[in-house]
Amino acid sequence: MLVIVSWIALSAGLLSSLIIIVDVIRHPQMMKIMNFVWPINGWFFGPFALWTYFKWGRLKAKNLDIDDHRGRPAKVFVSTSHCSAGCTLGDAVGVPIVALTGLTIAGSTLFAHYTVEFILAYIFGIIFQFYAIYPMDKSKGVMGSIKAAVKADSFSLIAFEVGMFGWMALVHYVLFTEPPKPNEITYWFMMQIAMILGFITSYPANWVLVRKGIKEEM
């Protein structure tokens, strides 16, 4: 049954990503990096990502003139989506690297996943944040924008990984007698849930960053 549920959830996620991709090609976002963010969200949030994209994402399309009446909760949601997309990409790229190399840390593949995925999530997270900051204010210069990206994204990225890694620890040590492996569909379903929980733990961090002016509403 879990295998069937996994196929359904991941298929829904991939279909949601495809629908969003088609729409952002027709209606590109004003902030170019968001053309990548919304499809990545589709992978782990599935139909919910479709709803949020068409409700809030399309408000920022370059060729659509739609009034933006969003409140702060919705704007922070989009900021969190931006952060989560970078983390998700890094985590997803890290999985096959660890699997194919057979890397372990302290004899544990889970710790290897944590290490590699955190490093890649941080790199991609800063890249995503850079491409949100630099185009809006090029007077900062490249290095200034990188520093601003680190300042804006570090706390929220750590908060994301707390939720994501916490869930994968439960998967590894509690929920399964033999944890699923990356070549199994159930592993990616567990990752999908991990990304959702990472988003949830990252949302309060993004709220604080936005309220303090460290991060911009999106």
N, C-alpha and C. Protein backbone atom coordinates (compact mmCIF):
# COMPACT_ATOMS: atom_id res chain seq x y z
N MET A 1 0.82 -1.20 0.00
CA MET A 1 0.00 0.00 0.00
C MET A 1 0.86 1.27 0.00
N LEU A 2 1.95 1.25 0.80
CA LEU A 2 2.81 2.43 0.86
C LEU A 2 3.45 2.72 -0.49
N VAL A 3 3.77 1.67 -1.23
CA VAL A 3 4.35 1.86 -2.56
C VAL A 3 3.35 2.55 -3.48
N ILE A 4 2.09 2.13 -3.41
CA ILE A 4 1.04 2.74 -4.24
C ILE A 4 0.86 4.21 -3.88
N VAL A 5 0.78 4.49 -2.57
CA VAL A 5 0.64 5.87 -2.10
C VAL A 5 1.83 6.71 -2.56
N SER A 6 3.02 6.12 -2.51
CA SER A 6 4.22 6.83 -2.93
C SER A 6 4.16 7.21 -4.40
N TRP A 7 3.75 6.25 -5.23
CA TRP A 7 3.62 6.53 -6.67
C TRP A 7 2.60 7.63 -6.93
N ILE A 8 1.48 7.58 -6.22
CA ILE A 8 0.43 8.58 -6.42
C ILE A 8 0.93 9.97 -6.01
N ALA A 9 1.55 10.05 -4.83
CA ALA A 9 2.03 11.34 -4.32
C ALA A 9 3.10 11.94 -5.23
N LEU A 10 4.05 11.12 -5.64
CA LEU A 10 5.13 11.64 -6.47
C LEU A 10 4.65 11.98 -7.88
N SER A 11 3.73 11.20 -8.40
CA SER A 11 3.16 11.51 -9.71
C SER A 11 2.39 12.82 -9.67
N ALA A 12 1.64 13.02 -8.58
CA ALA A 12 0.90 14.28 -8.42
C ALA A 12 1.86 15.46 -8.33
N GLY A 13 2.98 15.25 -7.62
CA GLY A 13 3.98 16.31 -7.51
C GLY A 13 4.62 16.65 -8.85
N LEU A 14 5.01 15.62 -9.60
CA LEU A 14 5.64 15.85 -10.89
C LEU A 14 4.67 16.47 -11.89
N LEU A 15 3.41 16.04 -11.85
CA LEU A 15 2.40 16.63 -12.74
C LEU A 15 2.17 18.09 -12.38
N SER A 16 2.15 18.39 -11.08
CA SER A 16 1.97 19.78 -10.65
C SER A 16 3.14 20.64 -11.12
N SER A 17 4.35 20.10 -11.03
CA SER A 17 5.54 20.82 -11.52
C SER A 17 5.43 21.10 -13.01
N LEU A 18 4.99 20.10 -13.75
CA LEU A 18 4.87 20.25 -15.20
C LEU A 18 3.86 21.33 -15.57
N ILE A 19 2.73 21.33 -14.89
CA ILE A 19 1.70 22.35 -15.15
C ILE A 19 2.24 23.74 -14.87
N ILE A 20 2.97 23.88 -13.77
CA ILE A 20 3.55 25.19 -13.41
C ILE A 20 4.60 25.59 -14.44
N ILE A 21 5.43 24.64 -14.87
CA ILE A 21 6.46 24.95 -15.87
C ILE A 21 5.82 25.51 -17.14
N VAL A 22 4.76 24.85 -17.61
CA VAL A 22 4.07 25.30 -18.81
C VAL A 22 3.54 26.72 -18.63
N ASP A 23 3.02 27.01 -17.44
CA ASP A 23 2.43 28.33 -17.21
C ASP A 23 3.49 29.42 -17.06
N VAL A 24 4.63 29.10 -16.39
CA VAL A 24 5.65 30.14 -16.25
C VAL A 24 6.37 30.41 -17.58
N ILE A 25 6.34 29.46 -18.49
CA ILE A 25 6.87 29.71 -19.83
C ILE A 25 5.98 30.73 -20.54
N ARG A 26 4.67 30.58 -20.36
CA ARG A 26 3.71 31.51 -20.97
C ARG A 26 3.66 32.84 -20.23
N HIS A 27 3.84 32.78 -18.90
CA HIS A 27 3.74 33.99 -18.07
C HIS A 27 4.94 34.05 -17.13
N PRO A 28 6.11 34.45 -17.65
CA PRO A 28 7.33 34.47 -16.81
C PRO A 28 7.18 35.40 -15.61
N GLN A 29 7.86 35.03 -14.54
CA GLN A 29 7.84 35.83 -13.33
C GLN A 29 8.74 37.07 -13.48
N MET A 30 8.36 38.15 -12.79
CA MET A 30 9.18 39.35 -12.80
C MET A 30 10.56 39.07 -12.20
N MET A 31 10.58 38.26 -11.15
CA MET A 31 11.84 37.84 -10.55
C MET A 31 12.20 36.49 -11.17
N LYS A 32 13.25 36.47 -12.02
CA LYS A 32 13.53 35.30 -12.84
C LYS A 32 13.70 34.01 -12.04
N ILE A 33 14.31 34.12 -10.85
CA ILE A 33 14.57 32.91 -10.06
C ILE A 33 13.28 32.21 -9.67
N MET A 34 12.17 32.96 -9.60
CA MET A 34 10.89 32.36 -9.23
C MET A 34 10.36 31.43 -10.32
N ASN A 35 10.87 31.56 -11.55
CA ASN A 35 10.50 30.62 -12.60
C ASN A 35 11.00 29.21 -12.29
N PHE A 36 12.01 29.12 -11.44
CA PHE A 36 12.51 27.82 -10.99
C PHE A 36 11.89 27.42 -9.65
N VAL A 37 11.63 28.41 -8.82
CA VAL A 37 11.10 28.14 -7.47
C VAL A 37 9.74 27.46 -7.52
N TRP A 38 8.83 28.00 -8.29
CA TRP A 38 7.46 27.46 -8.29
C TRP A 38 7.39 26.02 -8.79
N PRO A 39 8.08 25.65 -9.87
CA PRO A 39 8.05 24.23 -10.27
C PRO A 39 8.67 23.30 -9.23
N ILE A 40 9.74 23.74 -8.54
CA ILE A 40 10.32 22.91 -7.50
C ILE A 40 9.33 22.71 -6.37
N ASN A 41 8.60 23.76 -6.01
CA ASN A 41 7.56 23.62 -4.99
C ASN A 41 6.50 22.61 -5.42
N GLY A 42 6.23 22.58 -6.72
CA GLY A 42 5.23 21.64 -7.23
C GLY A 42 5.61 20.21 -6.92
N TRP A 43 6.91 19.92 -6.93
CA TRP A 43 7.36 18.54 -6.70
C TRP A 43 6.97 18.06 -5.31
N PHE A 44 7.18 18.88 -4.28
CA PHE A 44 6.90 18.36 -2.94
C PHE A 44 5.53 18.77 -2.39
N PHE A 45 4.98 19.89 -2.87
CA PHE A 45 3.67 20.31 -2.38
C PHE A 45 2.51 19.82 -3.27
N GLY A 46 2.82 19.37 -4.47
CA GLY A 46 1.80 18.81 -5.35
C GLY A 46 0.67 19.79 -5.65
N PRO A 47 -0.58 19.34 -5.59
CA PRO A 47 -1.72 20.20 -5.91
C PRO A 47 -1.79 21.46 -5.07
N PHE A 48 -1.29 21.41 -3.84
CA PHE A 48 -1.29 22.62 -3.01
C PHE A 48 -0.39 23.68 -3.63
N ALA A 49 0.72 23.26 -4.22
CA ALA A 49 1.61 24.20 -4.91
C ALA A 49 0.90 24.83 -6.10
N LEU A 50 0.10 24.05 -6.81
CA LEU A 50 -0.68 24.60 -7.92
C LEU A 50 -1.61 25.71 -7.43
N TRP A 51 -2.30 25.43 -6.33
CA TRP A 51 -3.23 26.41 -5.78
C TRP A 51 -2.51 27.69 -5.38
N THR A 52 -1.37 27.57 -4.68
CA THR A 52 -0.64 28.76 -4.24
C THR A 52 -0.02 29.50 -5.42
N TYR A 53 0.41 28.76 -6.44
CA TYR A 53 0.99 29.42 -7.61
C TYR A 53 -0.06 30.26 -8.33
N PHE A 54 -1.19 29.67 -8.61
CA PHE A 54 -2.22 30.41 -9.35
C PHE A 54 -2.87 31.50 -8.50
N LYS A 55 -2.84 31.36 -7.18
CA LYS A 55 -3.41 32.37 -6.28
C LYS A 55 -2.44 33.52 -6.04
N TRP A 56 -1.14 33.20 -5.81
CA TRP A 56 -0.16 34.21 -5.43
C TRP A 56 0.98 34.36 -6.43
N GLY A 57 1.42 33.27 -7.02
CA GLY A 57 2.56 33.34 -7.92
C GLY A 57 2.28 34.13 -9.18
N ARG A 58 1.11 33.95 -9.74
CA ARG A 58 0.78 34.63 -10.99
C ARG A 58 0.64 36.14 -10.83
N LEU A 59 0.48 36.59 -9.58
CA LEU A 59 0.40 38.03 -9.34
C LEU A 59 1.69 38.72 -9.75
N LYS A 60 2.78 37.96 -9.79
CA LYS A 60 4.09 38.52 -10.12
C LYS A 60 4.55 38.17 -11.54
N ALA A 61 3.62 37.77 -12.39
CA ALA A 61 3.96 37.50 -13.79
C ALA A 61 4.20 38.82 -14.53
N LYS A 62 5.19 38.83 -15.41
CA LYS A 62 5.56 40.07 -16.11
C LYS A 62 4.48 40.53 -17.08
N ASN A 63 3.80 39.59 -17.70
CA ASN A 63 2.85 39.95 -18.76
C ASN A 63 1.39 39.90 -18.31
N LEU A 64 1.17 39.87 -16.99
CA LEU A 64 -0.19 39.91 -16.47
C LEU A 64 -0.33 41.09 -15.51
N ASP A 65 -1.35 41.87 -15.70
CA ASP A 65 -1.57 43.05 -14.86
C ASP A 65 -2.64 42.71 -13.82
N ILE A 66 -2.19 42.17 -12.68
CA ILE A 66 -3.10 41.74 -11.62
C ILE A 66 -2.73 42.47 -10.34
N ASP A 67 -3.73 43.05 -9.69
CA ASP A 67 -3.48 43.75 -8.43
C ASP A 67 -3.03 42.77 -7.35
N ASP A 68 -2.04 43.18 -6.59
CA ASP A 68 -1.49 42.35 -5.52
C ASP A 68 -2.10 42.79 -4.19
N HIS A 69 -3.06 41.99 -3.71
CA HIS A 69 -3.74 42.30 -2.44
C HIS A 69 -3.34 41.31 -1.34
N ARG A 70 -2.18 40.69 -1.49
CA ARG A 70 -1.77 39.70 -0.50
C ARG A 70 -1.41 40.36 0.83
N GLY A 71 -1.69 39.65 1.92
CA GLY A 71 -1.26 40.08 3.23
C GLY A 71 0.11 39.51 3.54
N ARG A 72 0.64 39.85 4.73
CA ARG A 72 1.97 39.37 5.09
C ARG A 72 2.06 37.85 5.13
N PRO A 73 1.07 37.12 5.67
CA PRO A 73 1.20 35.65 5.69
C PRO A 73 1.46 35.06 4.30
N ALA A 74 0.78 35.59 3.28
CA ALA A 74 0.97 35.08 1.92
C ALA A 74 2.35 35.47 1.39
N LYS A 75 2.79 36.69 1.68
CA LYS A 75 4.11 37.13 1.21
C LYS A 75 5.23 36.35 1.87
N VAL A 76 5.07 36.05 3.16
CA VAL A 76 6.06 35.23 3.85
C VAL A 76 6.04 33.81 3.31
N PHE A 77 4.85 33.33 2.94
CA PHE A 77 4.73 32.00 2.33
C PHE A 77 5.58 31.94 1.06
N VAL A 78 5.50 32.97 0.23
CA VAL A 78 6.28 32.98 -1.01
C VAL A 78 7.77 33.09 -0.71
N SER A 79 8.13 33.89 0.30
CA SER A 79 9.54 33.98 0.71
C SER A 79 10.05 32.62 1.18
N THR A 80 9.21 31.92 1.92
CA THR A 80 9.57 30.58 2.40
C THR A 80 9.69 29.60 1.24
N SER A 81 8.81 29.75 0.26
CA SER A 81 8.88 28.90 -0.94
C SER A 81 10.21 29.08 -1.65
N HIS A 82 10.64 30.32 -1.72
CA HIS A 82 11.91 30.64 -2.37
C HIS A 82 13.07 29.97 -1.64
N CYS A 83 13.08 30.08 -0.31
CA CYS A 83 14.11 29.44 0.51
C CYS A 83 14.04 27.92 0.38
N SER A 84 12.84 27.38 0.47
CA SER A 84 12.66 25.93 0.45
C SER A 84 13.06 25.32 -0.88
N ALA A 85 12.85 26.06 -1.97
CA ALA A 85 13.21 25.53 -3.29
C ALA A 85 14.71 25.30 -3.40
N GLY A 86 15.50 26.26 -2.91
CA GLY A 86 16.95 26.08 -2.94
C GLY A 86 17.39 24.90 -2.10
N CYS A 87 16.79 24.79 -0.90
CA CYS A 87 17.12 23.67 -0.01
C CYS A 87 16.73 22.34 -0.65
N THR A 88 15.53 22.30 -1.21
CA THR A 88 15.03 21.08 -1.83
C THR A 88 15.94 20.62 -2.96
N LEU A 89 16.36 21.57 -3.79
CA LEU A 89 17.24 21.22 -4.91
C LEU A 89 18.56 20.65 -4.40
N GLY A 90 19.13 21.29 -3.38
CA GLY A 90 20.38 20.80 -2.81
C GLY A 90 20.23 19.42 -2.20
N ASP A 91 19.14 19.20 -1.46
CA ASP A 91 18.90 17.90 -0.84
C ASP A 91 18.70 16.82 -1.90
N ALA A 92 17.93 17.16 -2.94
CA ALA A 92 17.65 16.17 -3.99
C ALA A 92 18.90 15.80 -4.77
N VAL A 93 19.78 16.77 -5.01
CA VAL A 93 21.03 16.51 -5.72
C VAL A 93 21.98 15.69 -4.84
N GLY A 94 21.94 15.95 -3.53
CA GLY A 94 22.84 15.26 -2.61
C GLY A 94 22.57 13.77 -2.46
N VAL A 95 21.31 13.37 -2.58
CA VAL A 95 20.94 11.97 -2.38
C VAL A 95 21.68 11.03 -3.33
N PRO A 96 21.62 11.23 -4.65
CA PRO A 96 22.34 10.29 -5.53
C PRO A 96 23.86 10.35 -5.37
N ILE A 97 24.39 11.50 -4.97
CA ILE A 97 25.84 11.59 -4.75
C ILE A 97 26.27 10.63 -3.65
N VAL A 98 25.53 10.66 -2.53
CA VAL A 98 25.85 9.76 -1.42
C VAL A 98 25.59 8.31 -1.82
N ALA A 99 24.47 8.08 -2.51
CA ALA A 99 24.12 6.71 -2.89
C ALA A 99 25.14 6.10 -3.84
N LEU A 100 25.59 6.88 -4.82
CA LEU A 100 26.50 6.35 -5.84
C LEU A 100 27.93 6.20 -5.33
N THR A 101 28.33 7.03 -4.39
CA THR A 101 29.70 6.96 -3.86
C THR A 101 29.82 6.00 -2.68
N GLY A 102 28.67 5.64 -2.09
CA GLY A 102 28.70 4.77 -0.91
C GLY A 102 29.30 5.45 0.30
N LEU A 103 29.24 6.78 0.31
CA LEU A 103 29.85 7.57 1.39
C LEU A 103 29.16 7.30 2.72
N THR A 104 29.97 7.19 3.78
CA THR A 104 29.44 7.09 5.14
C THR A 104 30.24 8.03 6.04
N ILE A 105 29.62 8.48 7.11
CA ILE A 105 30.29 9.29 8.13
C ILE A 105 29.99 8.65 9.48
N ALA A 106 31.03 8.33 10.22
CA ALA A 106 30.90 7.61 11.50
C ALA A 106 30.15 6.30 11.28
N GLY A 107 30.36 5.70 10.10
CA GLY A 107 29.73 4.43 9.78
C GLY A 107 28.27 4.53 9.41
N SER A 108 27.77 5.76 9.21
CA SER A 108 26.35 5.96 8.94
C SER A 108 26.13 6.64 7.59
N THR A 109 25.28 6.06 6.78
CA THR A 109 24.91 6.72 5.52
C THR A 109 24.01 7.92 5.80
N LEU A 110 23.21 7.85 6.87
CA LEU A 110 22.33 8.97 7.21
C LEU A 110 23.14 10.22 7.51
N PHE A 111 24.21 10.09 8.29
CA PHE A 111 25.06 11.24 8.60
C PHE A 111 25.73 11.78 7.33
N ALA A 112 26.06 10.87 6.41
CA ALA A 112 26.64 11.30 5.13
C ALA A 112 25.61 12.11 4.35
N HIS A 113 24.37 11.63 4.34
CA HIS A 113 23.30 12.38 3.67
C HIS A 113 23.14 13.75 4.30
N TYR A 114 23.11 13.79 5.62
CA TYR A 114 22.97 15.07 6.32
C TYR A 114 24.07 16.05 5.89
N THR A 115 25.30 15.58 5.89
CA THR A 115 26.44 16.46 5.61
C THR A 115 26.43 16.96 4.17
N VAL A 116 26.35 16.04 3.23
CA VAL A 116 26.39 16.41 1.81
C VAL A 116 25.18 17.26 1.44
N GLU A 117 24.01 16.85 1.91
CA GLU A 117 22.80 17.58 1.55
C GLU A 117 22.76 18.97 2.18
N PHE A 118 23.26 19.09 3.40
CA PHE A 118 23.28 20.42 4.03
C PHE A 118 24.20 21.36 3.25
N ILE A 119 25.37 20.87 2.88
CA ILE A 119 26.32 21.70 2.13
C ILE A 119 25.71 22.15 0.81
N LEU A 120 25.12 21.20 0.08
CA LEU A 120 24.52 21.54 -1.21
C LEU A 120 23.28 22.43 -1.05
N ALA A 121 22.47 22.15 -0.02
CA ALA A 121 21.30 22.99 0.23
C ALA A 121 21.73 24.42 0.54
N TYR A 122 22.82 24.56 1.29
CA TYR A 122 23.31 25.90 1.63
C TYR A 122 23.81 26.62 0.37
N ILE A 123 24.53 25.90 -0.46
CA ILE A 123 25.04 26.50 -1.70
C ILE A 123 23.91 26.95 -2.60
N PHE A 124 22.96 26.04 -2.85
CA PHE A 124 21.84 26.39 -3.72
C PHE A 124 20.96 27.46 -3.08
N GLY A 125 20.80 27.39 -1.76
CA GLY A 125 19.99 28.40 -1.07
C GLY A 125 20.58 29.79 -1.23
N ILE A 126 21.89 29.92 -1.10
CA ILE A 126 22.55 31.21 -1.27
C ILE A 126 22.46 31.68 -2.72
N ILE A 127 22.62 30.74 -3.66
CA ILE A 127 22.49 31.09 -5.08
C ILE A 127 21.09 31.63 -5.37
N PHE A 128 20.07 30.94 -4.87
CA PHE A 128 18.70 31.39 -5.10
C PHE A 128 18.48 32.76 -4.47
N GLN A 129 19.01 32.95 -3.26
CA GLN A 129 18.84 34.23 -2.58
C GLN A 129 19.61 35.34 -3.31
N PHE A 130 20.79 35.02 -3.79
CA PHE A 130 21.58 35.99 -4.55
C PHE A 130 20.81 36.50 -5.75
N TYR A 131 20.18 35.58 -6.47
CA TYR A 131 19.45 35.98 -7.68
C TYR A 131 18.10 36.63 -7.38
N ALA A 132 17.75 36.70 -6.11
CA ALA A 132 16.61 37.52 -5.70
C ALA A 132 17.08 38.91 -5.31
N ILE A 133 18.25 39.00 -4.69
CA ILE A 133 18.76 40.27 -4.17
C ILE A 133 19.49 41.09 -5.23
N TYR A 134 20.41 40.48 -5.95
CA TYR A 134 21.27 41.22 -6.88
C TYR A 134 20.50 41.95 -7.98
N PRO A 135 19.53 41.31 -8.65
CA PRO A 135 18.81 42.03 -9.70
C PRO A 135 18.02 43.24 -9.19
N MET A 136 17.62 43.22 -7.92
CA MET A 136 16.83 44.32 -7.37
C MET A 136 17.70 45.51 -6.99
N ASP A 137 18.96 45.26 -6.62
CA ASP A 137 19.84 46.35 -6.18
C ASP A 137 21.29 46.02 -6.53
N LYS A 138 21.66 46.33 -7.77
CA LYS A 138 23.00 46.00 -8.24
C LYS A 138 24.06 46.92 -7.65
N SER A 139 23.62 47.98 -6.95
CA SER A 139 24.58 48.88 -6.32
C SER A 139 25.38 48.19 -5.22
N LYS A 140 24.83 47.10 -4.68
CA LYS A 140 25.55 46.34 -3.65
C LYS A 140 26.78 45.66 -4.22
N GLY A 141 26.76 45.40 -5.52
CA GLY A 141 27.83 44.64 -6.13
C GLY A 141 27.63 43.14 -5.87
N VAL A 142 28.43 42.32 -6.53
CA VAL A 142 28.29 40.87 -6.39
C VAL A 142 28.59 40.42 -4.97
N MET A 143 29.72 40.87 -4.42
CA MET A 143 30.10 40.43 -3.08
C MET A 143 29.12 40.94 -2.03
N GLY A 144 28.66 42.16 -2.19
CA GLY A 144 27.68 42.70 -1.26
C GLY A 144 26.38 41.92 -1.29
N SER A 145 25.98 41.50 -2.48
CA SER A 145 24.75 40.72 -2.62
C SER A 145 24.92 39.32 -2.04
N ILE A 146 26.11 38.75 -2.21
CA ILE A 146 26.37 37.43 -1.63
C ILE A 146 26.30 37.50 -0.10
N LYS A 147 26.91 38.54 0.47
CA LYS A 147 26.86 38.72 1.92
C LYS A 147 25.42 38.90 2.40
N ALA A 148 24.65 39.68 1.66
CA ALA A 148 23.24 39.89 2.01
C ALA A 148 22.47 38.58 1.90
N ALA A 149 22.81 37.76 0.90
CA ALA A 149 22.15 36.47 0.72
C ALA A 149 22.44 35.54 1.88
N VAL A 150 23.69 35.51 2.32
CA VAL A 150 24.07 34.68 3.46
C VAL A 150 23.30 35.12 4.71
N LYS A 151 23.23 36.42 4.91
CA LYS A 151 22.53 36.97 6.07
C LYS A 151 21.04 36.65 6.03
N ALA A 152 20.46 36.74 4.84
CA ALA A 152 19.02 36.54 4.69
C ALA A 152 18.60 35.08 4.74
N ASP A 153 19.51 34.19 4.32
CA ASP A 153 19.08 32.80 4.09
C ASP A 153 19.57 31.80 5.13
N SER A 154 20.60 32.12 5.88
CA SER A 154 21.20 31.12 6.77
C SER A 154 20.23 30.59 7.82
N PHE A 155 19.57 31.50 8.52
CA PHE A 155 18.66 31.10 9.60
C PHE A 155 17.50 30.28 9.06
N SER A 156 16.90 30.74 7.97
CA SER A 156 15.75 30.03 7.41
C SER A 156 16.16 28.68 6.84
N LEU A 157 17.37 28.61 6.27
CA LEU A 157 17.86 27.35 5.72
C LEU A 157 18.08 26.32 6.83
N ILE A 158 18.69 26.75 7.92
CA ILE A 158 18.89 25.84 9.05
C ILE A 158 17.55 25.36 9.59
N ALA A 159 16.58 26.27 9.67
CA ALA A 159 15.24 25.90 10.15
C ALA A 159 14.60 24.87 9.22
N PHE A 160 14.81 25.03 7.92
CA PHE A 160 14.27 24.06 6.95
C PHE A 160 14.89 22.69 7.19
N GLU A 161 16.21 22.66 7.33
CA GLU A 161 16.89 21.38 7.47
C GLU A 161 16.56 20.70 8.80
N VAL A 162 16.23 21.46 9.82
CA VAL A 162 15.80 20.85 11.09
C VAL A 162 14.55 19.99 10.86
N GLY A 163 13.57 20.54 10.15
CA GLY A 163 12.36 19.77 9.86
C GLY A 163 12.62 18.61 8.93
N MET A 164 13.40 18.86 7.90
CA MET A 164 13.69 17.83 6.90
C MET A 164 14.52 16.70 7.50
N PHE A 165 15.62 17.04 8.17
CA PHE A 165 16.48 16.01 8.76
C PHE A 165 15.80 15.28 9.92
N GLY A 166 14.98 16.01 10.67
CA GLY A 166 14.26 15.37 11.78
C GLY A 166 13.35 14.26 11.27
N TRP A 167 12.64 14.53 10.19
CA TRP A 167 11.76 13.51 9.61
C TRP A 167 12.55 12.32 9.08
N MET A 168 13.66 12.59 8.40
CA MET A 168 14.44 11.49 7.85
C MET A 168 15.09 10.65 8.95
N ALA A 169 15.35 11.25 10.11
CA ALA A 169 15.84 10.48 11.25
C ALA A 169 14.76 9.52 11.74
N LEU A 170 13.51 10.00 11.77
CA LEU A 170 12.40 9.12 12.15
C LEU A 170 12.25 7.98 11.15
N VAL A 171 12.37 8.30 9.88
CA VAL A 171 12.29 7.28 8.83
C VAL A 171 13.38 6.24 9.02
N HIS A 172 14.58 6.70 9.34
CA HIS A 172 15.74 5.81 9.44
C HIS A 172 15.72 4.95 10.70
N TYR A 173 15.29 5.55 11.81
CA TYR A 173 15.45 4.87 13.10
C TYR A 173 14.14 4.38 13.73
N VAL A 174 12.99 4.92 13.31
CA VAL A 174 11.74 4.63 14.03
C VAL A 174 10.67 3.98 13.14
N LEU A 175 10.42 4.54 11.99
CA LEU A 175 9.25 4.14 11.21
C LEU A 175 9.44 2.85 10.42
N PHE A 176 10.68 2.50 10.12
CA PHE A 176 10.95 1.30 9.32
C PHE A 176 11.97 0.42 10.03
N THR A 177 11.75 -0.89 9.95
CA THR A 177 12.78 -1.81 10.47
C THR A 177 13.97 -1.81 9.52
N GLU A 178 13.70 -1.64 8.23
CA GLU A 178 14.75 -1.48 7.23
C GLU A 178 14.42 -0.25 6.40
N PRO A 179 15.12 0.87 6.62
CA PRO A 179 14.79 2.12 5.93
C PRO A 179 14.82 1.96 4.41
N PRO A 180 13.92 2.64 3.70
CA PRO A 180 13.95 2.59 2.23
C PRO A 180 15.22 3.21 1.69
N LYS A 181 15.64 2.75 0.52
CA LYS A 181 16.87 3.23 -0.11
C LYS A 181 16.53 4.17 -1.27
N PRO A 182 17.49 5.00 -1.70
CA PRO A 182 17.22 5.97 -2.76
C PRO A 182 16.74 5.38 -4.08
N ASN A 183 16.97 4.09 -4.31
CA ASN A 183 16.48 3.48 -5.54
C ASN A 183 15.07 2.92 -5.39
N GLU A 184 14.42 3.24 -4.27
CA GLU A 184 13.05 2.79 -4.02
C GLU A 184 12.11 3.99 -4.00
N ILE A 185 10.92 3.83 -4.54
CA ILE A 185 9.96 4.92 -4.65
C ILE A 185 9.55 5.45 -3.28
N THR A 186 9.50 4.56 -2.27
CA THR A 186 9.08 5.00 -0.94
C THR A 186 10.09 5.98 -0.33
N TYR A 187 11.37 5.84 -0.69
CA TYR A 187 12.37 6.78 -0.19
C TYR A 187 12.04 8.20 -0.63
N TRP A 188 11.68 8.35 -1.89
CA TRP A 188 11.40 9.69 -2.42
C TRP A 188 10.07 10.24 -1.89
N PHE A 189 9.16 9.35 -1.56
CA PHE A 189 7.94 9.81 -0.90
C PHE A 189 8.26 10.33 0.49
N MET A 190 9.15 9.63 1.19
CA MET A 190 9.59 10.11 2.51
C MET A 190 10.31 11.46 2.37
N MET A 191 11.08 11.62 1.31
CA MET A 191 11.76 12.89 1.06
C MET A 191 10.73 13.99 0.77
N GLN A 192 9.70 13.64 0.06
CA GLN A 192 8.64 14.60 -0.24
C GLN A 192 8.00 15.11 1.06
N ILE A 193 7.72 14.20 1.96
CA ILE A 193 7.17 14.59 3.27
C ILE A 193 8.19 15.43 4.03
N ALA A 194 9.46 15.05 3.94
CA ALA A 194 10.52 15.79 4.62
C ALA A 194 10.58 17.24 4.15
N MET A 195 10.40 17.46 2.85
CA MET A 195 10.43 18.82 2.31
C MET A 195 9.24 19.64 2.83
N ILE A 196 8.09 19.01 2.93
CA ILE A 196 6.91 19.71 3.46
C ILE A 196 7.15 20.11 4.91
N LEU A 197 7.70 19.20 5.70
CA LEU A 197 7.98 19.51 7.10
C LEU A 197 9.08 20.56 7.22
N GLY A 198 10.05 20.52 6.31
CA GLY A 198 11.07 21.55 6.29
C GLY A 198 10.48 22.92 6.00
N PHE A 199 9.54 22.95 5.10
CA PHE A 199 8.84 24.21 4.80
C PHE A 199 8.14 24.73 6.05
N ILE A 200 7.47 23.84 6.76
CA ILE A 200 6.71 24.23 7.95
C ILE A 200 7.64 24.78 9.03
N THR A 201 8.79 24.15 9.25
CA THR A 201 9.71 24.64 10.27
C THR A 201 10.44 25.90 9.82
N SER A 202 10.51 26.12 8.51
CA SER A 202 11.19 27.31 7.99
C SER A 202 10.29 28.54 7.97
N TYR A 203 8.99 28.33 7.91
CA TYR A 203 8.06 29.47 7.80
C TYR A 203 8.21 30.46 8.96
N PRO A 204 8.22 30.01 10.24
CA PRO A 204 8.40 30.99 11.33
C PRO A 204 9.72 31.74 11.24
N ALA A 205 10.78 31.06 10.81
CA ALA A 205 12.07 31.72 10.66
C ALA A 205 12.00 32.82 9.61
N ASN A 206 11.34 32.54 8.50
CA ASN A 206 11.19 33.54 7.46
C ASN A 206 10.32 34.71 7.93
N TRP A 207 9.33 34.41 8.75
CA TRP A 207 8.47 35.47 9.29
C TRP A 207 9.32 36.44 10.12
N VAL A 208 10.17 35.89 10.97
CA VAL A 208 11.04 36.72 11.82
C VAL A 208 11.99 37.55 10.96
N LEU A 209 12.59 36.93 9.96
CA LEU A 209 13.54 37.63 9.09
C LEU A 209 12.86 38.76 8.32
N VAL A 210 11.64 38.52 7.85
CA VAL A 210 10.89 39.55 7.13
C VAL A 210 10.51 40.68 8.07
N ARG A 211 10.04 40.33 9.26
CA ARG A 211 9.61 41.35 10.22
C ARG A 211 10.77 42.25 10.65
N LYS A 212 11.97 41.66 10.76
CA LYS A 212 13.14 42.43 11.18
C LYS A 212 13.80 43.17 10.01
N GLY A 213 13.28 42.97 8.79
CA GLY A 213 13.83 43.65 7.64
C GLY A 213 15.09 43.03 7.09
N ILE A 214 15.44 41.85 7.58
CA ILE A 214 16.64 41.16 7.08
C ILE A 214 16.35 40.53 5.72
N LYS A 215 15.12 40.15 5.53
CA LYS A 215 14.69 39.51 4.29
C LYS A 215 13.47 40.24 3.76
N GLU A 216 13.38 40.34 2.44
CA GLU A 216 12.27 41.06 1.84
C GLU A 216 11.05 40.15 1.69
N GLU A 217 9.87 40.77 1.84
CA GLU A 217 8.63 40.05 1.48
C GLU A 217 8.65 39.80 -0.01
N MET A 218 8.05 38.70 -0.43
CA MET A 218 8.03 38.38 -1.86
C MET A 218 6.60 38.15 -2.35
